[in-house]
Amino acid sequence: MTVKIAVVGLGAFGHKHLDALTQIPDTKIQYVAHSTLEKAKEVAEKYGAEAAFASYSELLAQDDLDGVILATPTQMHHAQTLEALRAGKHVMVEIPMADSLAGVQEIVDAQKETGLIAMAGHTRRFNPSHQYVHNKITAGEFSIQQMDVQTYFFRRTNTNALGQPRSWTDHLLWHHAAHTVDLFQYQTGERIVKANAIQGPKHPELGIAMDMSIQLQTENGKICTLSLSFNNDGPIGTFFRYIGDTDTYIARYDDLVDGKETTIDVSKVAVSMNGIELQDREFVAAIKEKREPISSVAQVLPCYVVLDALQQQLEY
């Protein structure tokens, strides 16, 4: 079976998914879609897609399409995910899958009704570095006591990961904190029962907080401290320190070192060192095997329950 996929949204992350799909057997980039048809046609030619679309509804009407990957602006995720499911297409949506708990719940309900594959792009579950730690945990060789996480960017203007102008505004809580909140619950296997947040001043033009601090605690007392900033003039990205009962690990995307900065080889953890590719492989495999994927919308729902509680704190 060749799984035919469309990538919708052709910005920085759309291209990451396109590159990843070229590495996955029995997978075809069937279509691409973008708000600007000229750009969509250019990308379609580059990746060998059958056609390009500016109309999302027209794309979903194609019979020879199995699933879509949504790398579109945040405010479009909720409606586009629902539209894909109702059109009978499997869907993987980049995070956040909605910018409200009510929207996320609606997606989870729609997935249950349709029985289709619906997956959220919580990539940290797939990075080889985090998979290595997860394997240690499931083997009973490591137990998290604390996670210390820093998510830092230098983004004082509305630009994407390539430095290009964005048509939408990013968000520290609903986008970037979502990665860590979900990963903390996934790695500990426990529910978050305490969550606190404070934020710095909002940007006068972007209207979002540029700095944020979050504390989390699970039902059995494991804790996580998360610092986020768009003001950091230095290395960008998210850096995870796992402090456990036997070891300390520091994960930087797909790379891993121990507490003394000694490199740990994670090249044999999975078939690729690319977390995006591994995420996309799971989406394709779930479609072929007709099973629930890791990072299904139902599995990550608890993350959004916590984000909603934190948002209410910040707005109080």
Protein backbone atom coordinates (compact mmCIF):
# COMPACT_ATOMS: atom_id res chain seq x y z
CA MET A 1 0.00 0.00 0.00
CA THR A 2 1.29 3.43 -0.95
CA VAL A 3 0.02 6.08 1.44
CA LYS A 4 -0.78 9.29 -0.42
CA ILE A 5 -0.25 12.42 1.66
CA ALA A 6 -0.86 16.14 1.12
CA VAL A 7 1.11 18.79 2.97
CA VAL A 8 -0.90 21.92 3.66
CA GLY A 9 1.01 25.07 4.56
CA LEU A 10 4.41 25.49 2.93
CA GLY A 11 6.37 27.56 5.41
CA ALA A 12 9.39 26.41 7.41
CA PHE A 13 7.69 23.39 8.96
CA GLY A 14 5.80 22.44 5.85
CA HIS A 15 9.15 21.97 4.12
CA LYS A 16 10.46 19.90 7.05
CA HIS A 17 7.54 17.53 6.56
CA LEU A 18 8.04 17.40 2.80
CA ASP A 19 11.71 16.51 3.24
CA ALA A 20 10.78 13.88 5.82
CA LEU A 21 8.14 12.25 3.60
CA THR A 22 10.70 11.72 0.83
CA GLN A 23 12.55 9.38 3.21
CA ILE A 24 9.57 7.15 4.07
CA PRO A 25 8.95 3.97 1.99
CA ASP A 26 5.52 3.40 0.47
CA THR A 27 4.67 7.08 0.88
CA LYS A 28 3.89 9.58 -1.85
CA ILE A 29 3.60 13.35 -1.64
CA GLN A 30 0.39 13.40 -3.61
CA TYR A 31 -0.55 17.07 -3.28
CA VAL A 32 0.53 20.32 -1.67
CA ALA A 33 -1.56 23.32 -0.74
CA HIS A 34 -0.83 26.90 0.17
CA SER A 35 -2.74 30.17 0.29
CA THR A 36 -0.71 31.34 -2.70
CA LEU A 37 -1.21 29.03 -5.67
CA GLU A 38 1.99 30.16 -7.37
CA LYS A 39 4.05 29.06 -4.36
CA ALA A 40 2.13 25.78 -4.14
CA LYS A 41 2.85 25.01 -7.79
CA GLU A 42 6.55 25.74 -7.30
CA VAL A 43 6.75 23.36 -4.34
CA ALA A 44 4.67 20.71 -6.11
CA GLU A 45 7.15 20.66 -8.96
CA LYS A 46 10.11 20.44 -6.59
CA TYR A 47 8.70 17.43 -4.69
CA GLY A 48 6.97 15.69 -7.55
CA ALA A 49 3.42 16.17 -6.29
CA GLU A 50 0.55 15.46 -8.66
CA ALA A 51 -1.01 18.90 -8.26
CA ALA A 52 -1.06 22.07 -6.18
CA PHE A 53 -4.04 23.71 -4.53
CA ALA A 54 -4.93 27.06 -3.03
CA SER A 55 -8.36 25.77 -1.96
CA TYR A 56 -8.28 23.42 1.03
CA SER A 57 -11.80 22.17 0.38
CA GLU A 58 -10.92 21.34 -3.21
CA LEU A 59 -7.86 19.44 -1.99
CA LEU A 60 -9.94 17.36 0.43
CA ALA A 61 -12.34 16.45 -2.36
CA GLN A 62 -9.64 14.44 -4.14
CA ASP A 63 -10.40 10.71 -4.09
CA ASP A 64 -6.76 9.62 -4.39
CA LEU A 65 -5.72 11.18 -1.07
CA ASP A 66 -5.32 9.26 2.19
CA GLY A 67 -4.24 11.91 4.66
CA VAL A 68 -3.13 15.48 5.21
CA ILE A 69 -0.37 17.05 7.27
CA LEU A 70 -1.35 20.52 8.47
CA ALA A 71 1.55 22.95 8.88
CA THR A 72 -0.68 26.00 8.64
CA PRO A 73 -1.03 28.97 11.03
CA THR A 74 -2.25 28.11 14.53
CA GLN A 75 -5.64 29.77 14.21
CA MET A 76 -6.49 27.51 11.25
CA HIS A 77 -5.64 24.17 12.91
CA HIS A 78 -8.97 23.52 14.62
CA ALA A 79 -11.25 24.15 11.65
CA GLN A 80 -8.95 22.45 9.13
CA THR A 81 -8.57 19.32 11.28
CA LEU A 82 -12.33 18.99 11.63
CA GLU A 83 -12.84 19.57 7.92
CA ALA A 84 -10.32 16.84 7.05
CA LEU A 85 -11.96 14.29 9.36
CA ARG A 86 -15.41 15.11 8.05
CA ALA A 87 -14.09 14.69 4.50
CA GLY A 88 -12.90 11.18 5.39
CA LYS A 89 -9.17 11.99 5.46
CA HIS A 90 -6.64 11.03 8.10
CA VAL A 91 -4.91 14.06 9.58
CA MET A 92 -1.79 15.07 11.43
CA VAL A 93 -1.89 18.63 12.70
CA GLU A 94 1.04 20.63 14.00
CA ILE A 95 0.72 21.90 17.54
CA PRO A 96 -1.30 23.37 18.98
CA MET A 97 -4.16 21.46 17.38
CA ALA A 98 -6.42 24.25 18.63
CA ASP A 99 -5.87 27.36 20.72
CA SER A 100 -8.59 26.48 23.24
CA LEU A 101 -9.51 23.41 25.27
CA ALA A 102 -13.01 23.43 23.78
CA GLY A 103 -11.53 23.28 20.28
CA VAL A 104 -9.22 20.41 21.20
CA GLN A 105 -12.10 18.47 22.75
CA GLU A 106 -14.14 18.94 19.58
CA ILE A 107 -11.32 17.40 17.55
CA VAL A 108 -11.02 14.45 19.95
CA ASP A 109 -14.78 13.88 19.69
CA ALA A 110 -14.69 14.07 15.88
CA GLN A 111 -11.91 11.50 15.74
CA LYS A 112 -13.93 9.10 17.87
CA GLU A 113 -16.97 9.60 15.65
CA THR A 114 -15.10 9.01 12.40
CA GLY A 115 -12.61 6.38 13.55
CA LEU A 116 -9.94 7.99 11.37
CA ILE A 117 -6.31 8.57 12.33
CA ALA A 118 -5.93 11.96 13.97
CA MET A 119 -2.53 12.82 15.35
CA ALA A 120 -0.98 15.96 16.83
CA GLY A 121 2.59 17.02 16.08
CA HIS A 122 4.09 16.56 19.55
CA THR A 123 7.50 15.88 18.05
CA ARG A 124 9.37 15.52 21.34
CA ARG A 125 7.83 12.06 21.77
CA PHE A 126 9.70 11.03 18.62
CA ASN A 127 13.11 12.69 18.92
CA PRO A 128 15.72 9.90 19.38
CA SER A 129 17.10 11.70 22.44
CA HIS A 130 13.76 11.57 24.24
CA GLN A 131 13.03 8.07 22.97
CA TYR A 132 16.32 6.92 24.55
CA VAL A 133 15.22 8.31 27.92
CA HIS A 134 11.73 6.84 27.48
CA ASN A 135 13.23 3.40 26.81
CA LYS A 136 15.28 3.68 30.02
CA ILE A 137 12.12 4.56 31.95
CA THR A 138 10.04 1.72 30.53
CA ALA A 139 12.89 -0.71 31.26
CA GLY A 140 12.84 0.38 34.89
CA GLU A 141 16.39 1.74 34.67
CA PHE A 142 15.60 5.42 35.20
CA SER A 143 12.95 7.41 37.04
CA ILE A 144 12.50 11.15 36.58
CA GLN A 145 12.68 13.27 39.71
CA GLN A 146 12.81 16.62 37.96
CA MET A 147 12.85 18.09 34.49
CA ASP A 148 14.39 21.50 33.91
CA VAL A 149 13.52 22.89 30.49
CA GLN A 150 14.48 26.06 28.65
CA THR A 151 12.69 27.14 25.47
CA TYR A 152 14.50 30.15 24.06
CA PHE A 153 14.18 32.15 20.85
CA PHE A 154 15.24 35.57 19.67
CA ARG A 155 12.00 36.63 18.04
CA ARG A 156 11.11 40.26 18.69
CA THR A 157 9.45 40.55 15.30
CA ASN A 158 6.79 38.32 13.76
CA THR A 159 9.05 35.93 11.84
CA ASN A 160 9.26 32.16 11.43
CA ALA A 161 12.15 29.73 11.96
CA LEU A 162 13.66 30.85 8.63
CA GLY A 163 13.47 34.52 9.58
CA GLN A 164 10.62 35.12 7.14
CA PRO A 165 7.57 37.28 7.97
CA ARG A 166 4.59 35.45 9.46
CA SER A 167 0.91 36.09 8.82
CA TRP A 168 0.08 34.88 12.35
CA THR A 169 1.46 35.34 15.84
CA ASP A 170 3.26 32.58 17.72
CA HIS A 171 2.48 31.88 21.40
CA LEU A 172 4.75 30.71 24.22
CA LEU A 173 1.99 28.90 26.13
CA TRP A 174 -0.21 27.27 23.49
CA HIS A 175 2.60 26.36 21.13
CA HIS A 176 5.99 26.08 22.80
CA ALA A 177 4.94 25.10 26.33
CA ALA A 178 2.69 22.43 24.81
CA HIS A 179 5.77 20.40 23.80
CA THR A 180 7.10 20.26 27.35
CA VAL A 181 3.78 19.80 29.16
CA ASP A 182 2.98 16.81 26.96
CA LEU A 183 6.49 15.36 27.18
CA PHE A 184 6.55 15.64 30.98
CA GLN A 185 3.34 13.64 31.30
CA TYR A 186 4.45 11.16 28.61
CA GLN A 187 7.85 10.51 30.17
CA THR A 188 6.62 10.24 33.76
CA GLY A 189 3.47 8.33 32.86
CA GLU A 190 1.66 10.49 35.42
CA ARG A 191 -0.96 13.21 35.39
CA ILE A 192 -0.02 16.79 36.19
CA VAL A 193 -1.97 17.79 39.28
CA LYS A 194 -0.34 21.15 40.06
CA ALA A 195 0.48 23.83 37.51
CA ASN A 196 1.55 27.44 38.03
CA ALA A 197 2.52 30.14 35.55
CA ILE A 198 3.65 33.75 35.48
CA GLN A 199 4.44 35.87 32.45
CA GLY A 200 6.32 39.04 31.66
CA PRO A 201 5.00 42.17 29.94
CA LYS A 202 3.17 41.77 26.66
CA HIS A 203 4.80 43.04 23.49
CA PRO A 204 3.19 46.36 22.49
CA GLU A 205 2.74 45.30 18.85
CA LEU A 206 2.51 41.49 18.93
CA GLY A 207 0.18 41.46 21.94
CA ILE A 208 1.80 38.35 23.47
CA ALA A 209 3.97 37.75 26.52
CA MET A 210 7.62 37.49 25.49
CA ASP A 211 8.73 35.70 28.67
CA MET A 212 7.05 33.02 30.78
CA SER A 213 7.81 30.71 33.69
CA ILE A 214 5.88 27.50 34.41
CA GLN A 215 5.99 24.99 37.28
CA LEU A 216 4.43 21.53 37.06
CA GLN A 217 4.01 18.63 39.50
CA THR A 218 2.67 15.12 38.89
CA GLU A 219 0.45 13.07 41.15
CA ASN A 220 3.49 11.29 42.62
CA GLY A 221 5.53 14.44 43.19
CA LYS A 222 7.76 14.64 40.12
CA ILE A 223 8.38 18.26 39.16
CA CYS A 224 9.16 20.26 36.04
CA THR A 225 10.39 23.84 35.73
CA LEU A 226 9.97 25.45 32.32
CA SER A 227 11.40 28.81 31.27
CA LEU A 228 10.35 30.32 27.93
CA SER A 229 11.46 33.48 26.16
CA PHE A 230 11.31 35.21 22.80
CA ASN A 231 13.92 37.70 24.08
CA ASN A 232 16.94 35.41 24.39
CA ASP A 233 19.84 36.66 22.25
CA GLY A 234 21.76 33.40 22.12
CA PRO A 235 21.36 29.76 21.06
CA ILE A 236 17.75 29.08 20.12
CA GLY A 237 15.70 25.96 20.74
CA THR A 238 14.57 23.86 23.68
CA PHE A 239 16.98 22.20 26.07
CA PHE A 240 15.77 19.48 28.43
CA ARG A 241 17.61 18.38 31.57
CA TYR A 242 16.30 15.11 32.98
CA ILE A 243 17.35 14.67 36.60
CA GLY A 244 16.64 11.12 37.77
CA ASP A 245 17.35 8.62 40.48
CA THR A 246 20.23 7.00 38.58
CA ASP A 247 21.41 9.43 35.89
CA THR A 248 21.13 12.91 34.46
CA TYR A 249 20.47 13.46 30.75
CA ILE A 250 20.44 16.64 28.66
CA ALA A 251 18.47 16.46 25.41
CA ARG A 252 18.86 19.00 22.63
CA TYR A 253 16.41 18.06 19.88
CA ASP A 254 17.79 14.82 18.42
CA ASP A 255 21.05 14.87 20.41
CA LEU A 256 21.69 13.60 23.95
CA VAL A 257 24.49 13.97 26.51
CA ASP A 258 24.79 12.95 30.14
CA GLY A 259 25.09 15.38 33.04
CA LYS A 260 28.83 15.76 32.40
CA GLU A 261 28.24 16.58 28.71
CA THR A 262 29.49 13.19 27.48
CA THR A 263 27.79 12.36 24.18
CA ILE A 264 25.38 9.43 24.18
CA ASP A 265 24.98 7.60 20.88
CA VAL A 266 21.28 7.58 19.96
CA SER A 267 21.81 6.62 16.32
CA LYS A 268 20.44 3.11 16.90
CA VAL A 269 17.33 4.20 18.80
CA ALA A 270 15.22 4.45 15.65
CA VAL A 271 15.53 4.19 11.87
CA SER A 272 16.28 7.91 11.60
CA MET A 273 17.89 10.65 13.64
CA ASN A 274 15.24 13.13 12.48
CA GLY A 275 12.36 13.58 14.93
CA ILE A 276 10.05 15.06 12.27
CA GLU A 277 10.67 12.09 10.00
CA LEU A 278 9.99 9.65 12.85
CA GLN A 279 6.76 11.49 13.63
CA ASP A 280 5.68 11.30 9.99
CA ARG A 281 6.65 7.62 9.85
CA GLU A 282 4.31 6.96 12.76
CA PHE A 283 1.47 8.75 10.96
CA VAL A 284 1.99 6.67 7.80
CA ALA A 285 2.37 3.43 9.77
CA ALA A 286 -0.83 4.08 11.72
CA ILE A 287 -2.73 4.61 8.47
CA LYS A 288 -1.36 1.39 6.96
CA GLU A 289 -1.88 -0.66 10.14
CA LYS A 290 -5.22 0.93 11.03
CA ARG A 291 -4.21 1.61 14.62
CA GLU A 292 -4.02 4.49 17.06
CA PRO A 293 -0.73 6.36 16.64
CA ILE A 294 1.60 7.56 19.36
CA SER A 295 0.62 11.21 19.92
CA SER A 296 -2.98 10.65 18.85
CA VAL A 297 -5.27 13.58 19.62
CA ALA A 298 -6.84 11.55 22.43
CA GLN A 299 -3.45 10.77 24.00
CA VAL A 300 -2.36 14.41 24.10
CA LEU A 301 -5.68 15.81 25.37
CA PRO A 302 -4.37 15.98 28.99
CA CYS A 303 -1.68 18.42 27.82
CA TYR A 304 -4.33 20.89 26.68
CA VAL A 305 -6.26 20.52 29.92
CA VAL A 306 -3.14 21.81 31.70
CA LEU A 307 -2.58 24.61 29.15
CA ASP A 308 -6.16 25.76 29.65
CA ALA A 309 -5.69 25.87 33.43
CA LEU A 310 -2.47 27.86 33.01
CA GLN A 311 -4.13 30.31 30.65
CA GLN A 312 -6.86 30.92 33.20
CA GLN A 313 -4.19 31.68 35.82
CA LEU A 314 -2.43 34.12 33.50
CA GLU A 315 -5.68 35.93 32.67
CA TYR A 316 -6.81 36.22 36.28
